[in-house]
Amino acid sequence: MREMLIQYRGKRSQKKMAEKYGVSQQLWSFWELGKSTPKPYIMKQIAKDSRKPMEKIFSDAFDPRS
């Protein structure tokens, strides 16, 4: 689970967040679960919007041991 991504979503629905980033609700859910990782340009936008480093939000994607 990507806790920082879930915290960033807050009380907004997955559907609302998916619409904001131009993806499906299912894909947003996969991102939160760590089953999938956004494309780099979307990771950068989420990092900018959330004011958190994308390396922290998506730490599993940046972990060389994975």
N, C-alpha and C. Protein backbone atom coordinates (compact mmCIF):
# COMPACT_ATOMS: atom_id res chain seq x y z
N MET A 1 0.84 -1.18 0.00
CA MET A 1 0.00 0.00 0.00
C MET A 1 0.89 1.25 0.00
N ARG A 2 0.47 2.20 -0.77
CA ARG A 2 1.20 3.48 -0.82
C ARG A 2 0.46 4.48 0.06
N GLU A 3 0.86 4.50 1.31
CA GLU A 3 0.18 5.32 2.31
C GLU A 3 0.19 6.81 1.97
N MET A 4 1.30 7.32 1.45
CA MET A 4 1.38 8.75 1.15
C MET A 4 0.41 9.14 0.03
N LEU A 5 0.19 8.23 -0.90
CA LEU A 5 -0.75 8.50 -1.99
C LEU A 5 -2.18 8.50 -1.44
N ILE A 6 -2.45 7.60 -0.54
CA ILE A 6 -3.77 7.55 0.09
C ILE A 6 -3.99 8.79 0.94
N GLN A 7 -2.96 9.21 1.67
CA GLN A 7 -3.07 10.44 2.47
C GLN A 7 -3.30 11.65 1.59
N TYR A 8 -2.62 11.70 0.45
CA TYR A 8 -2.81 12.82 -0.47
C TYR A 8 -4.25 12.86 -0.97
N ARG A 9 -4.83 11.70 -1.25
CA ARG A 9 -6.23 11.66 -1.73
C ARG A 9 -7.16 12.20 -0.66
N GLY A 10 -6.86 11.90 0.61
CA GLY A 10 -7.69 12.38 1.70
C GLY A 10 -9.11 11.87 1.60
N LYS A 11 -10.06 12.78 1.70
CA LYS A 11 -11.48 12.40 1.66
C LYS A 11 -12.05 12.39 0.26
N ARG A 12 -11.21 12.74 -0.70
CA ARG A 12 -11.67 12.70 -2.09
C ARG A 12 -11.77 11.25 -2.55
N SER A 13 -12.70 10.99 -3.45
CA SER A 13 -12.88 9.62 -3.94
C SER A 13 -11.77 9.27 -4.93
N GLN A 14 -11.55 7.99 -5.09
CA GLN A 14 -10.60 7.53 -6.10
C GLN A 14 -11.04 8.00 -7.48
N LYS A 15 -12.33 8.01 -7.70
CA LYS A 15 -12.85 8.45 -9.00
C LYS A 15 -12.49 9.91 -9.27
N LYS A 16 -12.64 10.76 -8.28
CA LYS A 16 -12.29 12.18 -8.44
C LYS A 16 -10.80 12.35 -8.73
N MET A 17 -9.98 11.61 -8.00
CA MET A 17 -8.54 11.70 -8.23
C MET A 17 -8.17 11.18 -9.62
N ALA A 18 -8.80 10.09 -10.01
CA ALA A 18 -8.55 9.53 -11.34
C ALA A 18 -8.91 10.54 -12.42
N GLU A 19 -10.04 11.21 -12.26
CA GLU A 19 -10.46 12.22 -13.24
C GLU A 19 -9.44 13.36 -13.30
N LYS A 20 -8.95 13.76 -12.15
CA LYS A 20 -7.97 14.85 -12.09
C LYS A 20 -6.71 14.53 -12.90
N TYR A 21 -6.31 13.25 -12.89
CA TYR A 21 -5.08 12.85 -13.57
C TYR A 21 -5.33 12.12 -14.89
N GLY A 22 -6.58 12.08 -15.32
CA GLY A 22 -6.91 11.54 -16.63
C GLY A 22 -6.76 10.03 -16.76
N VAL A 23 -7.08 9.33 -15.67
CA VAL A 23 -6.99 7.87 -15.69
C VAL A 23 -8.29 7.28 -15.15
N SER A 24 -8.40 5.97 -15.19
CA SER A 24 -9.60 5.32 -14.66
C SER A 24 -9.49 5.17 -13.14
N GLN A 25 -10.64 5.00 -12.49
CA GLN A 25 -10.67 4.78 -11.05
C GLN A 25 -9.92 3.50 -10.71
N GLN A 26 -10.04 2.49 -11.55
CA GLN A 26 -9.36 1.21 -11.31
C GLN A 26 -7.84 1.40 -11.32
N LEU A 27 -7.35 2.19 -12.26
CA LEU A 27 -5.91 2.43 -12.32
C LEU A 27 -5.44 3.19 -11.08
N TRP A 28 -6.20 4.20 -10.64
CA TRP A 28 -5.84 4.92 -9.42
C TRP A 28 -5.77 3.93 -8.25
N SER A 29 -6.73 3.05 -8.16
CA SER A 29 -6.75 2.04 -7.10
C SER A 29 -5.49 1.17 -7.16
N PHE A 30 -5.10 0.76 -8.35
CA PHE A 30 -3.89 -0.05 -8.52
C PHE A 30 -2.66 0.72 -8.03
N TRP A 31 -2.63 2.03 -8.28
CA TRP A 31 -1.51 2.84 -7.81
C TRP A 31 -1.46 2.84 -6.29
N GLU A 32 -2.62 3.02 -5.66
CA GLU A 32 -2.67 3.04 -4.19
C GLU A 32 -2.25 1.70 -3.60
N LEU A 33 -2.62 0.63 -4.26
CA LEU A 33 -2.29 -0.71 -3.78
C LEU A 33 -0.86 -1.12 -4.10
N GLY A 34 -0.20 -0.36 -4.95
CA GLY A 34 1.16 -0.70 -5.35
C GLY A 34 1.22 -1.77 -6.42
N LYS A 35 0.09 -2.04 -7.07
CA LYS A 35 0.05 -3.04 -8.13
C LYS A 35 0.52 -2.48 -9.46
N SER A 36 0.57 -1.16 -9.54
CA SER A 36 0.95 -0.47 -10.76
C SER A 36 1.59 0.86 -10.36
N THR A 37 2.35 1.43 -11.27
CA THR A 37 3.01 2.71 -11.01
C THR A 37 2.67 3.67 -12.14
N PRO A 38 2.34 4.91 -11.81
CA PRO A 38 2.02 5.88 -12.86
C PRO A 38 3.21 6.13 -13.78
N LYS A 39 2.91 6.65 -14.93
CA LYS A 39 3.97 7.09 -15.84
C LYS A 39 4.71 8.24 -15.17
N PRO A 40 5.99 8.41 -15.52
CA PRO A 40 6.79 9.44 -14.84
C PRO A 40 6.17 10.84 -14.85
N TYR A 41 5.55 11.25 -15.95
CA TYR A 41 4.97 12.60 -15.97
C TYR A 41 3.82 12.73 -14.99
N ILE A 42 3.08 11.64 -14.74
CA ILE A 42 1.99 11.70 -13.76
C ILE A 42 2.57 11.67 -12.34
N MET A 43 3.61 10.87 -12.13
CA MET A 43 4.26 10.87 -10.81
C MET A 43 4.76 12.26 -10.47
N LYS A 44 5.36 12.95 -11.45
CA LYS A 44 5.86 14.31 -11.21
C LYS A 44 4.72 15.25 -10.86
N GLN A 45 3.58 15.12 -11.55
CA GLN A 45 2.45 16.00 -11.28
C GLN A 45 1.87 15.74 -9.89
N ILE A 46 1.74 14.47 -9.53
CA ILE A 46 1.24 14.13 -8.19
C ILE A 46 2.20 14.68 -7.13
N ALA A 47 3.49 14.54 -7.36
CA ALA A 47 4.48 15.06 -6.41
C ALA A 47 4.35 16.57 -6.27
N LYS A 48 4.20 17.25 -7.38
CA LYS A 48 4.05 18.72 -7.35
C LYS A 48 2.77 19.10 -6.61
N ASP A 49 1.67 18.45 -6.95
CA ASP A 49 0.37 18.78 -6.33
C ASP A 49 0.34 18.46 -4.84
N SER A 50 1.00 17.37 -4.44
CA SER A 50 0.97 16.95 -3.04
C SER A 50 2.08 17.58 -2.21
N ARG A 51 3.05 18.19 -2.91
CA ARG A 51 4.22 18.79 -2.26
C ARG A 51 5.05 17.76 -1.49
N LYS A 52 5.09 16.57 -2.05
CA LYS A 52 5.89 15.48 -1.50
C LYS A 52 6.77 14.93 -2.62
N PRO A 53 7.98 14.52 -2.34
CA PRO A 53 8.85 13.95 -3.38
C PRO A 53 8.27 12.65 -3.94
N MET A 54 8.30 12.52 -5.25
CA MET A 54 7.75 11.31 -5.85
C MET A 54 8.51 10.07 -5.40
N GLU A 55 9.78 10.24 -5.04
CA GLU A 55 10.56 9.11 -4.54
C GLU A 55 10.03 8.61 -3.20
N LYS A 56 9.37 9.49 -2.46
CA LYS A 56 8.76 9.10 -1.19
C LYS A 56 7.37 8.49 -1.42
N ILE A 57 6.57 9.14 -2.26
CA ILE A 57 5.21 8.65 -2.53
C ILE A 57 5.26 7.26 -3.15
N PHE A 58 6.15 7.10 -4.12
CA PHE A 58 6.26 5.84 -4.86
C PHE A 58 7.58 5.14 -4.53
N SER A 59 7.90 5.09 -3.24
CA SER A 59 9.21 4.58 -2.81
C SER A 59 9.48 3.17 -3.31
N ASP A 60 8.46 2.35 -3.39
CA ASP A 60 8.66 0.98 -3.86
C ASP A 60 9.15 0.95 -5.31
N ALA A 61 8.74 1.90 -6.12
CA ALA A 61 9.15 1.96 -7.52
C ALA A 61 10.60 2.41 -7.66
N PHE A 62 11.11 3.08 -6.62
CA PHE A 62 12.48 3.59 -6.65
C PHE A 62 13.43 2.72 -5.83
N ASP A 63 12.92 1.65 -5.23
CA ASP A 63 13.74 0.78 -4.40
C ASP A 63 14.47 -0.24 -5.28
N PRO A 64 15.79 -0.19 -5.33
CA PRO A 64 16.54 -1.09 -6.20
C PRO A 64 16.43 -2.56 -5.79
N ARG A 65 15.98 -2.81 -4.58
CA ARG A 65 15.81 -4.20 -4.12
C ARG A 65 14.53 -4.83 -4.63
N SER A 66 13.64 -4.03 -5.20
CA SER A 66 12.35 -4.57 -5.70
C SER A 66 12.53 -5.27 -7.01
